[in-house]
Protein backbone atom coordinates (compact mmCIF):
# COMPACT_ATOMS: atom_id res chain seq x y z
CA MET A 1 16.07 12.26 -60.32
CA LYS A 2 13.21 9.96 -61.39
CA ILE A 3 10.18 10.64 -59.07
CA ILE A 4 6.95 8.65 -58.94
CA VAL A 5 4.01 10.28 -57.14
CA CYS A 6 1.03 8.12 -56.18
CA ILE A 7 -2.39 9.81 -56.33
CA LYS A 8 -5.99 8.64 -55.83
CA GLN A 9 -9.40 9.71 -57.09
CA VAL A 10 -11.86 9.99 -54.19
CA PRO A 11 -15.38 11.19 -53.63
CA ASP A 12 -15.59 14.77 -52.34
CA THR A 13 -16.15 14.07 -48.64
CA ALA A 14 -17.97 17.35 -48.17
CA ASN A 15 -20.87 15.81 -50.20
CA VAL A 16 -20.68 12.13 -49.17
CA ARG A 17 -23.88 10.69 -47.85
CA LEU A 18 -24.77 7.19 -46.55
CA ASP A 19 -27.68 5.07 -48.06
CA PRO A 20 -29.92 4.35 -45.10
CA GLU A 21 -30.94 0.97 -46.66
CA THR A 22 -27.65 -0.39 -47.84
CA HIS A 23 -25.42 1.41 -45.37
CA THR A 24 -22.92 2.10 -48.17
CA LEU A 25 -21.55 5.42 -49.45
CA LYS A 26 -23.76 7.16 -52.06
CA ARG A 27 -21.32 7.82 -54.89
CA GLU A 28 -23.88 8.58 -57.56
CA GLY A 29 -23.95 12.39 -58.14
CA VAL A 30 -20.96 12.94 -55.91
CA GLU A 31 -18.05 14.78 -57.46
CA SER A 32 -14.69 12.97 -57.63
CA ILE A 33 -11.52 14.86 -56.74
CA VAL A 34 -7.79 14.26 -56.18
CA ASN A 35 -7.35 13.00 -52.66
CA PRO A 36 -6.48 16.20 -50.77
CA PHE A 37 -3.45 14.64 -49.10
CA ASP A 38 -2.06 13.71 -52.43
CA LEU A 39 -1.91 17.39 -53.48
CA PHE A 40 0.84 17.81 -50.78
CA ALA A 41 2.57 14.84 -52.36
CA LEU A 42 2.45 16.50 -55.75
CA GLU A 43 3.82 19.63 -54.37
CA ALA A 44 6.70 17.90 -52.56
CA ALA A 45 7.58 16.09 -55.83
CA LEU A 46 7.60 19.37 -57.84
CA ARG A 47 9.82 21.07 -55.23
CA LEU A 48 12.31 18.15 -55.27
CA ARG A 49 12.36 18.22 -59.04
CA GLU A 50 13.14 21.96 -58.96
CA GLU A 51 16.10 21.32 -56.77
CA LEU A 52 17.49 18.13 -58.28
CA GLY A 53 16.08 18.08 -61.82
CA GLY A 54 14.67 14.97 -63.40
CA ALA A 55 11.09 13.89 -64.20
CA ILE A 56 7.91 13.09 -62.28
CA THR A 57 5.35 10.42 -63.25
CA ALA A 58 2.04 10.29 -61.50
CA ILE A 59 0.25 7.01 -61.14
CA THR A 60 -3.23 6.12 -59.94
CA MET A 61 -5.32 2.93 -59.74
CA GLY A 62 -9.00 3.06 -60.46
CA PRO A 63 -11.70 2.90 -63.03
CA PRO A 64 -11.22 4.55 -66.43
CA GLN A 65 -12.56 7.89 -65.13
CA ALA A 66 -9.65 8.02 -62.72
CA ALA A 67 -7.62 9.18 -65.74
CA GLU A 68 -8.88 12.66 -64.86
CA VAL A 69 -6.71 12.88 -61.80
CA ILE A 70 -3.69 12.15 -63.90
CA LYS A 71 -4.66 15.00 -66.17
CA GLU A 72 -4.99 17.21 -63.09
CA ALA A 73 -1.52 16.25 -62.09
CA ILE A 74 -0.26 17.17 -65.57
CA GLY A 75 -1.79 20.57 -65.01
CA TYR A 76 0.25 21.04 -61.83
CA GLY A 77 3.39 20.33 -63.78
CA VAL A 78 3.94 16.58 -63.67
CA ASP A 79 5.74 15.16 -66.74
CA ASP A 80 3.83 11.92 -67.39
CA GLY A 81 1.11 9.68 -65.95
CA LEU A 82 -0.02 6.14 -65.82
CA LEU A 83 -3.48 4.79 -65.08
CA VAL A 84 -3.64 1.33 -63.49
CA SER A 85 -7.11 0.08 -64.41
CA ASP A 86 -8.72 -3.26 -64.77
CA ARG A 87 -12.03 -4.79 -63.62
CA ALA A 88 -9.80 -7.33 -61.84
CA PHE A 89 -8.63 -4.55 -59.52
CA ALA A 90 -12.18 -3.75 -58.16
CA GLY A 91 -12.76 -4.18 -54.47
CA ALA A 92 -9.03 -4.17 -53.64
CA ASP A 93 -8.01 -3.60 -49.93
CA THR A 94 -4.66 -1.96 -49.21
CA TRP A 95 -2.87 -5.37 -49.54
CA ALA A 96 -4.15 -6.00 -53.01
CA THR A 97 -3.80 -2.32 -53.97
CA THR A 98 -0.04 -2.25 -53.09
CA ARG A 99 0.48 -5.39 -55.12
CA ALA A 100 -0.99 -3.67 -58.25
CA LEU A 101 0.92 -0.38 -57.59
CA ALA A 102 4.16 -2.22 -56.96
CA ALA A 103 3.75 -3.97 -60.34
CA ALA A 104 3.05 -0.50 -61.94
CA VAL A 105 6.21 0.99 -60.51
CA GLU A 106 8.31 -1.94 -61.82
CA HIS A 107 6.49 -1.56 -65.19
CA LEU A 108 7.86 2.00 -65.24
CA GLY A 109 11.36 0.84 -64.46
CA GLY A 110 11.35 1.91 -60.81
CA ALA A 111 12.16 5.26 -59.36
CA ASP A 112 14.74 7.09 -57.23
CA LEU A 113 11.94 8.36 -54.96
CA ILE A 114 8.26 7.52 -54.64
CA VAL A 115 6.08 10.21 -52.91
CA CYS A 116 2.63 9.54 -51.49
CA GLY A 117 0.08 11.47 -49.48
CA LYS A 118 -0.10 10.44 -45.87
CA GLN A 119 -3.52 8.78 -46.38
CA ALA A 120 -6.70 8.83 -48.49
CA VAL A 121 -9.81 10.55 -47.10
CA ASP A 122 -12.06 7.73 -48.17
CA GLY A 123 -10.18 5.01 -46.23
CA ASP A 124 -7.95 6.76 -43.77
CA THR A 125 -5.78 3.67 -43.35
CA ALA A 126 -2.43 5.30 -44.12
CA GLN A 127 -1.21 1.87 -45.18
CA VAL A 128 -0.65 2.14 -48.91
CA GLY A 129 2.52 4.16 -48.79
CA PRO A 130 4.36 1.90 -46.29
CA GLY A 131 2.85 -1.22 -47.85
CA LEU A 132 4.20 -0.14 -51.29
CA ALA A 133 7.63 0.40 -49.81
CA GLN A 134 7.45 -3.08 -48.30
CA ARG A 135 6.45 -4.65 -51.58
CA LEU A 136 9.28 -3.01 -53.39
CA ASP A 137 11.81 -3.58 -50.61
CA LEU A 138 12.49 0.16 -50.26
CA PRO A 139 13.42 2.17 -47.11
CA GLN A 140 10.61 4.60 -46.21
CA VAL A 141 9.84 7.48 -43.99
CA ALA A 142 6.20 8.39 -43.18
CA PHE A 143 4.72 11.75 -42.20
CA VAL A 144 7.48 13.92 -43.77
CA LYS A 145 7.01 17.58 -43.20
CA GLY A 146 10.08 18.84 -44.93
CA TRP A 147 13.74 18.18 -45.80
CA ARG A 148 17.13 19.64 -44.81
CA GLU A 149 19.37 18.09 -47.36
CA ILE A 150 18.76 16.41 -50.67
CA SER A 151 21.16 14.69 -53.06
CA ASP A 152 21.12 11.91 -55.60
CA GLY A 153 22.05 9.53 -52.89
CA HIS A 154 20.01 10.43 -49.88
CA LEU A 155 17.48 12.77 -48.27
CA VAL A 156 17.71 14.27 -44.82
CA LEU A 157 14.05 14.63 -43.74
CA GLU A 158 12.01 15.99 -40.94
CA ARG A 159 9.43 13.54 -39.77
CA GLN A 160 6.36 14.93 -38.04
CA MET A 161 5.78 13.48 -34.49
CA ASP A 162 3.16 14.23 -31.83
CA ASP A 163 5.81 16.09 -29.70
CA GLY A 164 7.85 17.69 -32.44
CA PHE A 165 9.81 16.13 -35.22
CA ASP A 166 12.60 13.66 -35.96
CA VAL A 167 15.50 14.16 -38.33
CA VAL A 168 15.85 11.08 -40.47
CA ARG A 169 18.42 10.19 -43.21
CA LEU A 170 16.71 8.23 -46.01
CA PRO A 171 19.05 6.48 -48.60
CA LEU A 172 17.76 6.43 -52.15
CA PRO A 173 15.95 4.81 -53.80
CA GLY A 174 13.21 5.17 -51.16
CA LEU A 175 9.65 6.19 -50.40
CA ILE A 176 8.15 8.97 -48.40
CA THR A 177 4.59 9.89 -47.38
CA VAL A 178 4.08 13.55 -46.66
CA VAL A 179 1.82 15.70 -44.42
CA ARG A 180 0.36 19.14 -45.21
CA GLU A 181 3.22 20.92 -43.42
CA VAL A 182 5.48 20.07 -46.41
CA GLY A 183 3.99 23.06 -48.17
CA GLU A 184 0.79 24.43 -49.70
CA PRO A 185 0.07 22.99 -53.23
CA ARG A 186 0.66 25.55 -56.03
CA PRO A 187 -2.15 26.32 -58.42
CA PRO A 188 -2.13 24.62 -61.83
CA SER A 189 -0.42 26.67 -64.50
CA LEU A 190 -2.09 27.83 -67.75
CA LYS A 191 0.64 25.93 -69.67
CA GLY A 192 0.02 22.86 -67.53
CA LYS A 193 -3.81 22.96 -68.14
CA MET A 194 -3.36 23.29 -71.85
CA ARG A 195 -0.98 20.37 -71.88
CA ALA A 196 -3.38 18.31 -69.70
CA LYS A 197 -6.17 18.95 -72.08
CA LYS A 198 -4.36 17.25 -74.86
CA TYR A 199 -2.59 14.59 -72.78
CA GLN A 200 -3.53 11.02 -73.60
CA VAL A 201 -3.30 9.12 -70.32
CA PRO A 202 -1.61 5.72 -70.89
CA ALA A 203 -3.33 2.78 -69.16
CA VAL A 204 -2.34 -0.77 -68.12
CA GLY A 205 -4.25 -3.65 -66.73
CA ALA A 206 -3.51 -6.97 -64.91
CA ALA A 207 -2.22 -8.67 -68.06
CA GLU A 208 0.24 -5.90 -68.96
CA LEU A 209 1.65 -5.89 -65.42
CA GLY A 210 1.89 -9.65 -65.32
CA LEU A 211 -0.63 -9.99 -62.42
CA ASP A 212 -2.77 -13.00 -61.72
CA PRO A 213 -6.41 -11.86 -61.23
CA ALA A 214 -6.61 -14.10 -58.20
CA GLU A 215 -3.84 -11.92 -56.54
CA VAL A 216 -5.53 -8.55 -56.96
CA GLY A 217 -8.85 -6.83 -56.40
CA LEU A 218 -11.36 -8.43 -54.12
CA ALA A 219 -10.09 -11.89 -54.88
CA GLY A 220 -6.58 -10.93 -53.65
CA SER A 221 -7.75 -8.94 -50.60
CA HIS A 222 -7.32 -10.11 -47.09
CA THR A 223 -10.09 -7.74 -45.79
CA GLU A 224 -13.48 -6.82 -46.95
CA VAL A 225 -15.72 -3.82 -46.08
CA VAL A 226 -19.02 -5.45 -45.17
CA LYS A 227 -20.81 -2.33 -44.15
CA VAL A 228 -20.32 1.48 -43.64
CA PHE A 229 -22.54 3.20 -41.14
CA ALA A 230 -22.81 6.39 -39.19
CA PRO A 231 -22.38 5.66 -35.47
CA GLN A 232 -25.50 6.49 -33.40
CA ALA A 233 -25.14 8.72 -30.40
CA GLY A 234 -26.06 7.02 -27.16
CA GLY A 235 -24.95 5.64 -23.82
CA ASP A 236 -25.82 6.22 -20.14
CA ARG A 237 -24.52 9.30 -18.47
CA LEU A 238 -23.86 9.90 -14.78
CA MET A 239 -23.23 13.36 -13.48
CA LEU A 240 -21.08 13.57 -10.34
CA GLY A 241 -21.25 16.48 -7.96
CA GLY A 242 -19.23 17.62 -5.08
CA THR A 243 -15.59 18.69 -4.98
CA ALA A 244 -12.99 17.43 -7.40
CA GLU A 245 -11.67 15.08 -4.66
CA GLU A 246 -15.06 13.69 -3.93
CA ALA A 247 -15.93 13.15 -7.63
CA GLY A 248 -12.48 11.49 -8.21
CA ALA A 249 -13.08 9.12 -5.39
CA ARG A 250 -16.54 8.27 -6.76
CA VAL A 251 -15.13 7.58 -10.24
CA ILE A 252 -12.57 5.18 -8.72
CA ASP A 253 -15.38 3.41 -6.78
CA LEU A 254 -17.48 3.08 -10.03
CA LEU A 255 -14.57 1.55 -11.94
CA VAL A 256 -13.87 -0.95 -9.14
CA GLU A 257 -17.60 -1.90 -9.20
CA ALA A 258 -17.40 -2.42 -12.90
CA LYS A 259 -14.26 -4.45 -12.48
CA VAL A 260 -12.38 -2.08 -14.75
CA ILE A 261 -9.74 -1.67 -12.11
CA ALA A 262 -9.01 -3.78 -9.08
CA GLY A 263 -9.86 -2.39 -5.60
CA GLY A 264 -7.35 -1.88 -2.93
CA ALA A 265 -7.35 -2.15 0.89
């Protein structure tokens, strides 16, 4: 089985701070790490390879230093990697990001299965995995917590839901996003670390992927982050006394007064 796992380099959120003047994230001096949810995607890909055989390629989009997360993936046991990097990709929203990643997948000749983490901790949109599937016209299942059956032709998956889980059959080729319940990531192996140290990460840009700069990065984005800020605590408070019935009746009166709900006779 040919597996592609998508990973992302993100700032360590434990140390992220906001600039009080620019209201943007302070990235200087903040350590970059593999997106924590993507470690579960790596683990899922490794387990699937153990059961079905084949090879895993990790891809990431980012500046040149993002090659480090590919090397980390090699340390975990991934076979190969690809860095998607170009100044033209800067400022990409999820729409433009999936365009570049889809081109990268096609550049690699496609895959039987693409595995993504459920979301990135620096954006929390959970849009890239499903968006990539849409770009590639692949069936997809999000929030996968495990599988019951795997073969070269399909996967029978357990999809995490608020009230339990669904059992879903996914024909291959396809794409999944996984949650932490899929299994704790294994530690990198010594052999993997030694290989990662010597591994030369291949990189491709917009030209190699046949992409028009106007279709990627900020130019190709449909949304733009204008400002990031920490919400200020505030708001009026009203303490209601009396019994539960009296407090409940007062709440209804207040909602009617505020025209949130309609009053009755």
